PDB file of N, CA and C in Angstrom:
ATOM      1  N   MET A   1     -48.580 111.565  47.956  1.00  0.00           N
ATOM      2  CA  MET A   1     -47.348 111.112  48.569  1.00  0.00           C
ATOM      3  C   MET A   1     -46.980 111.982  49.774  1.00  0.00           C
ATOM      4  N   GLU A   2     -47.135 113.297  49.626  1.00  0.00           N
ATOM      5  CA  GLU A   2     -46.799 114.217  50.709  1.00  0.00           C
ATOM      6  C   GLU A   2     -47.697 113.990  51.925  1.00  0.00           C
ATOM      7  N   ARG A   3     -48.969 113.700  51.679  1.00  0.00           N
ATOM      8  CA  ARG A   3     -49.910 113.448  52.773  1.00  0.00           C
ATOM      9  C   ARG A   3     -49.528 112.183  53.540  1.00  0.00           C
ATOM     10  N   ASN A   4     -49.044 111.191  52.830  1.00  0.00           N
ATOM     11  CA  ASN A   4     -48.627 109.940  53.460  1.00  0.00           C
ATOM     12  C   ASN A   4     -47.438 110.174  54.391  1.00  0.00           C
ATOM     13  N   LYS A   5     -46.483 110.996  53.953  1.00  0.00           N
ATOM     14  CA  LYS A   5     -45.330 111.299  54.801  1.00  0.00           C
ATOM     15  C   LYS A   5     -45.750 112.065  56.041  1.00  0.00           C
ATOM     16  N   LEU A   6     -46.726 112.961  55.876  1.00  0.00           N
ATOM     17  CA  LEU A   6     -47.216 113.721  57.019  1.00  0.00           C
ATOM     18  C   LEU A   6     -47.904 112.810  58.036  1.00  0.00           C
ATOM     19  N   GLU A   7     -48.659 111.832  57.565  1.00  0.00           N
ATOM     20  CA  GLU A   7     -49.319 110.879  58.465  1.00  0.00           C
ATOM     21  C   GLU A   7     -48.290 110.040  59.213  1.00  0.00           C
ATOM     22  N   ILE A   8     -47.249 109.620  58.517  1.00  0.00           N
ATOM     23  CA  ILE A   8     -46.201 108.828  59.161  1.00  0.00           C
ATOM     24  C   ILE A   8     -45.492 109.667  60.213  1.00  0.00           C
ATOM     25  N   LEU A   9     -45.202 110.919  59.895  1.00  0.00           N
ATOM     26  CA  LEU A   9     -44.550 111.811  60.854  1.00  0.00           C
ATOM     27  C   LEU A   9     -45.429 112.049  62.077  1.00  0.00           C
ATOM     28  N   LYS A  10     -46.725 112.239  61.852  1.00  0.00           N
ATOM     29  CA  LYS A  10     -47.644 112.440  62.976  1.00  0.00           C
ATOM     30  C   LYS A  10     -47.673 111.218  63.878  1.00  0.00           C
ATOM     31  N   ARG A  11     -47.668 110.044  63.277  1.00  0.00           N
ATOM     32  CA  ARG A  11     -47.699 108.825  64.073  1.00  0.00           C
ATOM     33  C   ARG A  11     -46.421 108.678  64.895  1.00  0.00           C
ATOM     34  N   TRP A  12     -45.263 108.979  64.288  1.00  0.00           N
ATOM     35  CA  TRP A  12     -43.990 108.907  65.016  1.00  0.00           C
ATOM     36  C   TRP A  12     -43.967 109.891  66.178  1.00  0.00           C
ATOM     37  N   VAL A  13     -44.445 111.103  65.931  1.00  0.00           N
ATOM     38  CA  VAL A  13     -44.471 112.113  66.992  1.00  0.00           C
ATOM     39  C   VAL A  13     -45.396 111.672  68.119  1.00  0.00           C
ATOM     40  N   GLY A  14     -46.537 111.105  67.770  1.00  0.00           N
ATOM     41  CA  GLY A  14     -47.475 110.631  68.785  1.00  0.00           C
ATOM     42  C   GLY A  14     -46.887 109.550  69.667  1.00  0.00           C
ATOM     43  N   TRP A  15     -46.264 108.559  69.049  1.00  0.00           N
ATOM     44  CA  TRP A  15     -45.672 107.480  69.841  1.00  0.00           C
ATOM     45  C   TRP A  15     -44.468 107.965  70.640  1.00  0.00           C
ATOM     46  N   ALA A  16     -43.728 108.918  70.087  1.00  0.00           N
ATOM     47  CA  ALA A  16     -42.605 109.483  70.837  1.00  0.00           C
ATOM     48  C   ALA A  16     -43.109 110.230  72.077  1.00  0.00           C
ATOM     49  N   LEU A  17     -44.233 110.910  71.948  1.00  0.00           N
ATOM     50  CA  LEU A  17     -44.799 111.604  73.101  1.00  0.00           C
ATOM     51  C   LEU A  17     -45.289 110.627  74.161  1.00  0.00           C
ATOM     52  N   ILE A  18     -45.817 109.492  73.740  1.00  0.00           N
ATOM     53  CA  ILE A  18     -46.243 108.486  74.715  1.00  0.00           C
ATOM     54  C   ILE A  18     -45.024 107.932  75.453  1.00  0.00           C
ATOM     55  N   LEU A  19     -43.960 107.636  74.725  1.00  0.00           N
ATOM     56  CA  LEU A  19     -42.738 107.157  75.380  1.00  0.00           C
ATOM     57  C   LEU A  19     -42.150 108.232  76.295  1.00  0.00           C
ATOM     58  N   LEU A  20     -42.250 109.484  75.880  1.00  0.00           N
ATOM     59  CA  LEU A  20     -41.768 110.572  76.709  1.00  0.00           C
ATOM     60  C   LEU A  20     -42.577 110.684  77.997  1.00  0.00           C
ATOM     61  N   SER A  21     -43.881 110.422  77.903  1.00  0.00           N
ATOM     62  CA  SER A  21     -44.694 110.472  79.124  1.00  0.00           C
ATOM     63  C   SER A  21     -44.276 109.371  80.099  1.00  0.00           C
ATOM     64  N   PHE A  22     -43.934 108.191  79.581  1.00  0.00           N
ATOM     65  CA  PHE A  22     -43.421 107.132  80.451  1.00  0.00           C
ATOM     66  C   PHE A  22     -42.103 107.543  81.086  1.00  0.00           C
ATOM     67  N   ALA A  23     -41.261 108.232  80.323  1.00  0.00           N
ATOM     68  CA  ALA A  23     -39.980 108.687  80.866  1.00  0.00           C
ATOM     69  C   ALA A  23     -40.189 109.713  81.976  1.00  0.00           C
ATOM     70  N   PHE A  24     -41.155 110.608  81.801  1.00  0.00           N
ATOM     71  CA  PHE A  24     -41.441 111.589  82.848  1.00  0.00           C
ATOM     72  C   PHE A  24     -41.913 110.899  84.122  1.00  0.00           C
ATOM     73  N   TYR A  25     -42.810 109.930  83.968  1.00  0.00           N
ATOM     74  CA  TYR A  25     -43.279 109.213  85.154  1.00  0.00           C
ATOM     75  C   TYR A  25     -42.170 108.354  85.765  1.00  0.00           C
ATOM     76  N   GLY A  26     -41.296 107.803  84.939  1.00  0.00           N
ATOM     77  CA  GLY A  26     -40.163 107.047  85.468  1.00  0.00           C
ATOM     78  C   GLY A  26     -39.192 107.946  86.219  1.00  0.00           C
ATOM     79  N   GLY A  27     -39.106 109.197  85.797  1.00  0.00           N
ATOM     80  CA  GLY A  27     -38.258 110.152  86.490  1.00  0.00           C
ATOM     81  C   GLY A  27     -38.718 110.423  87.907  1.00  0.00           C
ATOM     82  N   LEU A  28     -39.997 110.183  88.158  1.00  0.00           N
ATOM     83  CA  LEU A  28     -40.515 110.351  89.522  1.00  0.00           C
ATOM     84  C   LEU A  28     -39.828 109.406  90.509  1.00  0.00           C
ATOM     85  N   LEU A  29     -39.402 108.265  90.019  1.00  0.00           N
ATOM     86  CA  LEU A  29     -38.735 107.301  90.898  1.00  0.00           C
ATOM     87  C   LEU A  29     -37.366 107.799  91.351  1.00  0.00           C
ATOM     88  N   LEU A  30     -36.782 108.724  90.591  1.00  0.00           N
ATOM     89  CA  LEU A  30     -35.452 109.228  90.923  1.00  0.00           C
ATOM     90  C   LEU A  30     -35.481 110.476  91.800  1.00  0.00           C
ATOM     91  N   VAL A  31     -36.634 111.091  91.946  1.00  0.00           N
ATOM     92  CA  VAL A  31     -36.737 112.340  92.710  1.00  0.00           C
ATOM     93  C   VAL A  31     -36.281 112.173  94.165  1.00  0.00           C
ATOM     94  N   PRO A  32     -36.648 111.117  94.874  1.00  0.00           N
ATOM     95  CA  PRO A  32     -36.200 111.011  96.272  1.00  0.00           C
ATOM     96  C   PRO A  32     -34.684 110.947  96.433  1.00  0.00           C
ATOM     97  N   PHE A  33     -33.991 110.507  95.396  1.00  0.00           N
ATOM     98  CA  PHE A  33     -32.544 110.381  95.490  1.00  0.00           C
ATOM     99  C   PHE A  33     -31.807 111.640  95.038  1.00  0.00           C
ATOM    100  N   ALA A  34     -32.535 112.628  94.572  1.00  0.00           N
ATOM    101  CA  ALA A  34     -31.907 113.870  94.117  1.00  0.00           C
ATOM    102  C   ALA A  34     -31.435 114.680  95.320  1.00  0.00           C
ATOM    103  N   SER A  35     -30.348 115.392  95.133  1.00  0.00           N
ATOM    104  CA  SER A  35     -29.814 116.194  96.232  1.00  0.00           C
ATOM    105  C   SER A  35     -30.425 117.600  96.161  1.00  0.00           C
ATOM    106  N   LEU A  36     -31.708 117.656  96.393  1.00  0.00           N
ATOM    107  CA  LEU A  36     -32.467 118.910  96.375  1.00  0.00           C
ATOM    108  C   LEU A  36     -33.129 119.107  97.721  1.00  0.00           C
ATOM    109  N   SER A  37     -33.556 120.325  97.954  1.00  0.00           N
ATOM    110  CA  SER A  37     -34.309 120.581  99.182  1.00  0.00           C
ATOM    111  C   SER A  37     -35.702 119.962  99.032  1.00  0.00           C
ATOM    112  N   PRO A  38     -36.376 119.689 100.150  1.00  0.00           N
ATOM    113  CA  PRO A  38     -37.716 119.087 100.058  1.00  0.00           C
ATOM    114  C   PRO A  38     -38.694 119.928  99.222  1.00  0.00           C
ATOM    115  N   GLY A  39     -38.596 121.236  99.306  1.00  0.00           N
ATOM    116  CA  GLY A  39     -39.479 122.085  98.509  1.00  0.00           C
ATOM    117  C   GLY A  39     -39.222 121.939  97.015  1.00  0.00           C
ATOM    118  N   ASN A  40     -37.950 121.852  96.653  1.00  0.00           N
ATOM    119  CA  ASN A  40     -37.603 121.670  95.244  1.00  0.00           C
ATOM    120  C   ASN A  40     -37.984 120.285  94.740  1.00  0.00           C
ATOM    121  N   LYS A  41     -37.921 119.285  95.613  1.00  0.00           N
ATOM    122  CA  LYS A  41     -38.362 117.939  95.222  1.00  0.00           C
ATOM    123  C   LYS A  41     -39.854 117.922  94.918  1.00  0.00           C
ATOM    124  N   ILE A  42     -40.626 118.668  95.693  1.00  0.00           N
ATOM    125  CA  ILE A  42     -42.067 118.744  95.458  1.00  0.00           C
ATOM    126  C   ILE A  42     -42.344 119.429  94.126  1.00  0.00           C
ATOM    127  N   ILE A  43     -41.608 120.499  93.860  1.00  0.00           N
ATOM    128  CA  ILE A  43     -41.783 121.213  92.593  1.00  0.00           C
ATOM    129  C   ILE A  43     -41.389 120.328  91.415  1.00  0.00           C
ATOM    130  N   LEU A  44     -40.283 119.609  91.549  1.00  0.00           N
ATOM    131  CA  LEU A  44     -39.816 118.727  90.483  1.00  0.00           C
ATOM    132  C   LEU A  44     -40.807 117.594  90.221  1.00  0.00           C
ATOM    133  N   SER A  45     -41.308 116.976  91.290  1.00  0.00           N
ATOM    134  CA  SER A  45     -42.249 115.874  91.094  1.00  0.00           C
ATOM    135  C   SER A  45     -43.561 116.369  90.496  1.00  0.00           C
ATOM    136  N   SER A  46     -44.018 117.536  90.914  1.00  0.00           N
ATOM    137  CA  SER A  46     -45.238 118.093  90.327  1.00  0.00           C
ATOM    138  C   SER A  46     -45.047 118.409  88.855  1.00  0.00           C
ATOM    139  N   THR A  47     -43.887 118.941  88.519  1.00  0.00           N
ATOM    140  CA  THR A  47     -43.594 119.255  87.123  1.00  0.00           C
ATOM    141  C   THR A  47     -43.537 117.994  86.274  1.00  0.00           C
ATOM    142  N   LEU A  48     -42.939 116.937  86.804  1.00  0.00           N
ATOM    143  CA  LEU A  48     -42.863 115.678  86.060  1.00  0.00           C
ATOM    144  C   LEU A  48     -44.243 115.082  85.821  1.00  0.00           C
ATOM    145  N   VAL A  49     -45.120 115.183  86.815  1.00  0.00           N
ATOM    146  CA  VAL A  49     -46.478 114.655  86.643  1.00  0.00           C
ATOM    147  C   VAL A  49     -47.225 115.454  85.585  1.00  0.00           C
ATOM    148  N   VAL A  50     -47.130 116.773  85.644  1.00  0.00           N
ATOM    149  CA  VAL A  50     -47.831 117.610  84.671  1.00  0.00           C
ATOM    150  C   VAL A  50     -47.291 117.365  83.262  1.00  0.00           C
ATOM    151  N   LEU A  51     -45.978 117.276  83.117  1.00  0.00           N
ATOM    152  CA  LEU A  51     -45.393 117.013  81.804  1.00  0.00           C
ATOM    153  C   LEU A  51     -45.775 115.630  81.279  1.00  0.00           C
ATOM    154  N   GLY A  52     -45.814 114.636  82.171  1.00  0.00           N
ATOM    155  CA  GLY A  52     -46.210 113.293  81.758  1.00  0.00           C
ATOM    156  C   GLY A  52     -47.644 113.245  81.279  1.00  0.00           C
ATOM    157  N   GLU A  53     -48.539 113.882  82.018  1.00  0.00           N
ATOM    158  CA  GLU A  53     -49.949 113.906  81.605  1.00  0.00           C
ATOM    159  C   GLU A  53     -50.131 114.696  80.319  1.00  0.00           C
ATOM    160  N   ALA A  54     -49.470 115.847  80.229  1.00  0.00           N
ATOM    161  CA  ALA A  54     -49.628 116.689  79.040  1.00  0.00           C
ATOM    162  C   ALA A  54     -49.109 115.985  77.793  1.00  0.00           C
ATOM    163  N   SER A  55     -47.960 115.346  77.881  1.00  0.00           N
ATOM    164  CA  SER A  55     -47.428 114.663  76.706  1.00  0.00           C
ATOM    165  C   SER A  55     -48.299 113.474  76.313  1.00  0.00           C
ATOM    166  N   PHE A  56     -48.866 112.784  77.302  1.00  0.00           N
ATOM    167  CA  PHE A  56     -49.747 111.661  76.965  1.00  0.00           C
ATOM    168  C   PHE A  56     -51.008 112.149  76.265  1.00  0.00           C
ATOM    169  N   TRP A  57     -51.631 113.188  76.785  1.00  0.00           N
ATOM    170  CA  TRP A  57     -52.891 113.642  76.190  1.00  0.00           C
ATOM    171  C   TRP A  57     -52.678 114.333  74.855  1.00  0.00           C
ATOM    172  N   ILE A  58     -51.552 114.970  74.644  1.00  0.00           N
ATOM    173  CA  ILE A  58     -51.250 115.519  73.320  1.00  0.00           C
ATOM    174  C   ILE A  58     -51.051 114.379  72.326  1.00  0.00           C
ATOM    175  N   ALA A  59     -50.419 113.297  72.777  1.00  0.00           N
ATOM    176  CA  ALA A  59     -50.256 112.120  71.920  1.00  0.00           C
ATOM    177  C   ALA A  59     -51.607 111.508  71.582  1.00  0.00           C
ATOM    178  N   VAL A  60     -52.526 111.501  72.526  1.00  0.00           N
ATOM    179  CA  VAL A  60     -53.875 110.985  72.259  1.00  0.00           C
ATOM    180  C   VAL A  60     -54.543 111.829  71.179  1.00  0.00           C
ATOM    181  N   LEU A  61     -54.397 113.127  71.263  1.00  0.00           N
ATOM    182  CA  LEU A  61     -54.988 113.993  70.244  1.00  0.00           C
ATOM    183  C   LEU A  61     -54.357 113.763  68.872  1.00  0.00           C
ATOM    184  N   ILE A  62     -53.060 113.517  68.839  1.00  0.00           N
ATOM    185  CA  ILE A  62     -52.379 113.308  67.562  1.00  0.00           C
ATOM    186  C   ILE A  62     -52.720 111.945  66.972  1.00  0.00           C
ATOM    187  N   LEU A  63     -52.665 110.899  67.785  1.00  0.00           N
ATOM    188  CA  LEU A  63     -52.849 109.539  67.275  1.00  0.00           C
ATOM    189  C   LEU A  63     -54.307 109.181  66.999  1.00  0.00           C
ATOM    190  N   GLY A  64     -55.184 109.713  67.787  1.00  0.00           N
ATOM    191  CA  GLY A  64     -56.589 109.414  67.563  1.00  0.00           C
ATOM    192  C   GLY A  64     -57.101 108.305  68.454  1.00  0.00           C
ATOM    193  N   ARG A  65     -58.408 108.178  68.434  1.00  0.00           N
ATOM    194  CA  ARG A  65     -59.092 107.257  69.323  1.00  0.00           C
ATOM    195  C   ARG A  65     -58.810 105.788  68.997  1.00  0.00           C
ATOM    196  N   GLN A  66     -58.663 105.446  67.712  1.00  0.00           N
ATOM    197  CA  GLN A  66     -58.467 104.043  67.338  1.00  0.00           C
ATOM    198  C   GLN A  66     -57.142 103.502  67.858  1.00  0.00           C
ATOM    199  N   VAL A  67     -56.097 104.269  67.740  1.00  0.00           N
ATOM    200  CA  VAL A  67     -54.782 103.801  68.187  1.00  0.00           C
ATOM    201  C   VAL A  67     -54.750 103.667  69.704  1.00  0.00           C
ATOM    202  N   ILE A  68     -55.334 104.617  70.399  1.00  0.00           N
ATOM    203  CA  ILE A  68     -55.332 104.560  71.855  1.00  0.00           C
ATOM    204  C   ILE A  68     -56.201 103.414  72.362  1.00  0.00           C
ATOM    205  N   SER A  69     -57.321 103.144  71.690  1.00  0.00           N
ATOM    206  CA  SER A  69     -58.139 102.006  72.130  1.00  0.00           C
ATOM    207  C   SER A  69     -57.405 100.696  71.887  1.00  0.00           C
ATOM    208  N   ARG A  70     -56.621 100.611  70.816  1.00  0.00           N
ATOM    209  CA  ARG A  70     -55.822  99.413  70.581  1.00  0.00           C
ATOM    210  C   ARG A  70     -54.745  99.287  71.655  1.00  0.00           C
ATOM    211  N   TYR A  71     -54.166 100.403  72.062  1.00  0.00           N
ATOM    212  CA  TYR A  71     -53.155 100.417  73.128  1.00  0.00           C
ATOM    213  C   TYR A  71     -53.762  99.974  74.459  1.00  0.00           C
ATOM    214  N   ARG A  72     -54.966 100.440  74.757  1.00  0.00           N
ATOM    215  CA  ARG A  72     -55.596 100.093  76.028  1.00  0.00           C
ATOM    216  C   ARG A  72     -56.056  98.638  76.061  1.00  0.00           C
ATOM    217  N   ASN A  73     -56.398  98.071  74.910  1.00  0.00           N
ATOM    218  CA  ASN A  73     -56.899  96.696  74.860  1.00  0.00           C
ATOM    219  C   ASN A  73     -55.792  95.666  74.643  1.00  0.00           C
ATOM    220  N   PHE A  74     -54.552  96.089  74.599  1.00  0.00           N
ATOM    221  CA  PHE A  74     -53.437  95.168  74.425  1.00  0.00           C
ATOM    222  C   PHE A  74     -53.315  94.301  75.675  1.00  0.00           C
ATOM    223  N   PRO A  75     -53.075  93.007  75.528  1.00  0.00           N
ATOM    224  CA  PRO A  75     -53.006  92.111  76.702  1.00  0.00           C
ATOM    225  C   PRO A  75     -51.707  92.287  77.494  1.00  0.00           C
ATOM    226  N   TRP A  76     -51.571  93.438  78.149  1.00  0.00           N
ATOM    227  CA  TRP A  76     -50.353  93.742  78.906  1.00  0.00           C
ATOM    228  C   TRP A  76     -50.098  92.741  80.025  1.00  0.00           C
ATOM    229  N   ARG A  77     -51.148  92.361  80.732  1.00  0.00           N
ATOM    230  CA  ARG A  77     -50.981  91.485  81.892  1.00  0.00           C
ATOM    231  C   ARG A  77     -50.403  90.130  81.493  1.00  0.00           C
ATOM    232  N   SER A  78     -50.895  89.557  80.406  1.00  0.00           N
ATOM    233  CA  SER A  78     -50.381  88.245  79.994  1.00  0.00           C
ATOM    234  C   SER A  78     -48.960  88.361  79.444  1.00  0.00           C
ATOM    235  N   LYS A  79     -48.639  89.462  78.774  1.00  0.00           N
ATOM    236  CA  LYS A  79     -47.279  89.645  78.259  1.00  0.00           C
ATOM    237  C   LYS A  79     -46.272  89.800  79.396  1.00  0.00           C
ATOM    238  N   ILE A  80     -46.632  90.566  80.412  1.00  0.00           N
ATOM    239  CA  ILE A  80     -45.732  90.771  81.542  1.00  0.00           C
ATOM    240  C   ILE A  80     -45.593  89.487  82.356  1.00  0.00           C
ATOM    241  N   ALA A  81     -46.703  88.772  82.536  1.00  0.00           N
ATOM    242  CA  ALA A  81     -46.643  87.515  83.272  1.00  0.00           C
ATOM    243  C   ALA A  81     -45.772  86.498  82.534  1.00  0.00           C
ATOM    244  N   GLY A  82     -45.786  86.537  81.205  1.00  0.00           N
ATOM    245  CA  GLY A  82     -44.953  85.633  80.417  1.00  0.00           C
ATOM    246  C   GLY A  82     -43.476  85.903  80.590  1.00  0.00           C
ATOM    247  N   LEU A  83     -43.126  87.137  80.902  1.00  0.00           N
ATOM    248  CA  LEU A  83     -41.720  87.463  81.132  1.00  0.00           C
ATOM    249  C   LEU A  83     -41.188  86.849  82.412  1.00  0.00           C
ATOM    250  N   PHE A  84     -42.045  86.711  83.413  1.00  0.00           N
ATOM    251  CA  PHE A  84     -41.612  86.232  84.711  1.00  0.00           C
ATOM    252  C   PHE A  84     -41.835  84.737  84.927  1.00  0.00           C
ATOM    253  N   LYS A  85     -42.466  84.061  83.976  1.00  0.00           N
ATOM    254  CA  LYS A  85     -42.669  82.621  84.104  1.00  0.00           C
ATOM    255  C   LYS A  85     -41.359  81.898  83.828  1.00  0.00           C
ATOM    256  N   SER A  86     -41.152  80.843  84.609  1.00  0.00           N
ATOM    257  CA  SER A  86     -39.969  80.031  84.346  1.00  0.00           C
ATOM    258  C   SER A  86     -40.306  79.081  83.185  1.00  0.00           C
ATOM    259  N   PRO A  87     -39.378  78.880  82.291  1.00  0.00           N
ATOM    260  CA  PRO A  87     -39.652  78.003  81.157  1.00  0.00           C
ATOM    261  C   PRO A  87     -39.885  76.569  81.645  1.00  0.00           C
ATOM    262  N   GLU A  88     -40.928  75.958  81.133  1.00  0.00           N
ATOM    263  CA  GLU A  88     -41.253  74.581  81.523  1.00  0.00           C
ATOM    264  C   GLU A  88     -40.320  73.632  80.779  1.00  0.00           C
ATOM    265  N   LYS A  89     -39.785  72.693  81.536  1.00  0.00           N
ATOM    266  CA  LYS A  89     -38.894  71.708  80.930  1.00  0.00           C
ATOM    267  C   LYS A  89     -39.707  70.467  80.581  1.00  0.00           C
ATOM    268  N   LYS A  90     -39.530  70.017  79.354  1.00  0.00           N
ATOM    269  CA  LYS A  90     -40.229  68.817  78.914  1.00  0.00           C
ATOM    270  C   LYS A  90     -39.360  67.602  79.192  1.00  0.00           C
ATOM    271  N   PRO A  91     -39.969  66.546  79.733  1.00  0.00           N
ATOM    272  CA  PRO A  91     -39.163  65.342  80.040  1.00  0.00           C
ATOM    273  C   PRO A  91     -38.751  64.580  78.829  1.00  0.00           C
TER     274      PRO A  91
END
């Protein structure tokens, strides 16, 4: 029972790290609007990229190859295209 809880916790931590990596990369979009000097913007953007990559690869190590291959083979393009399609009206 204890091992099962540990596996569930590891999986939650892994997926949280993947979501965190997306948040770090999304933060890059806000850097140009920050009221920082250009040098500090470069440091901030570099830090966000490093944190995003590090959190993603740590999540890969935690989750394992099977979960990441399932993530990579998910039909993202068709799901996103389905969001932007206008619903067809039937006569």
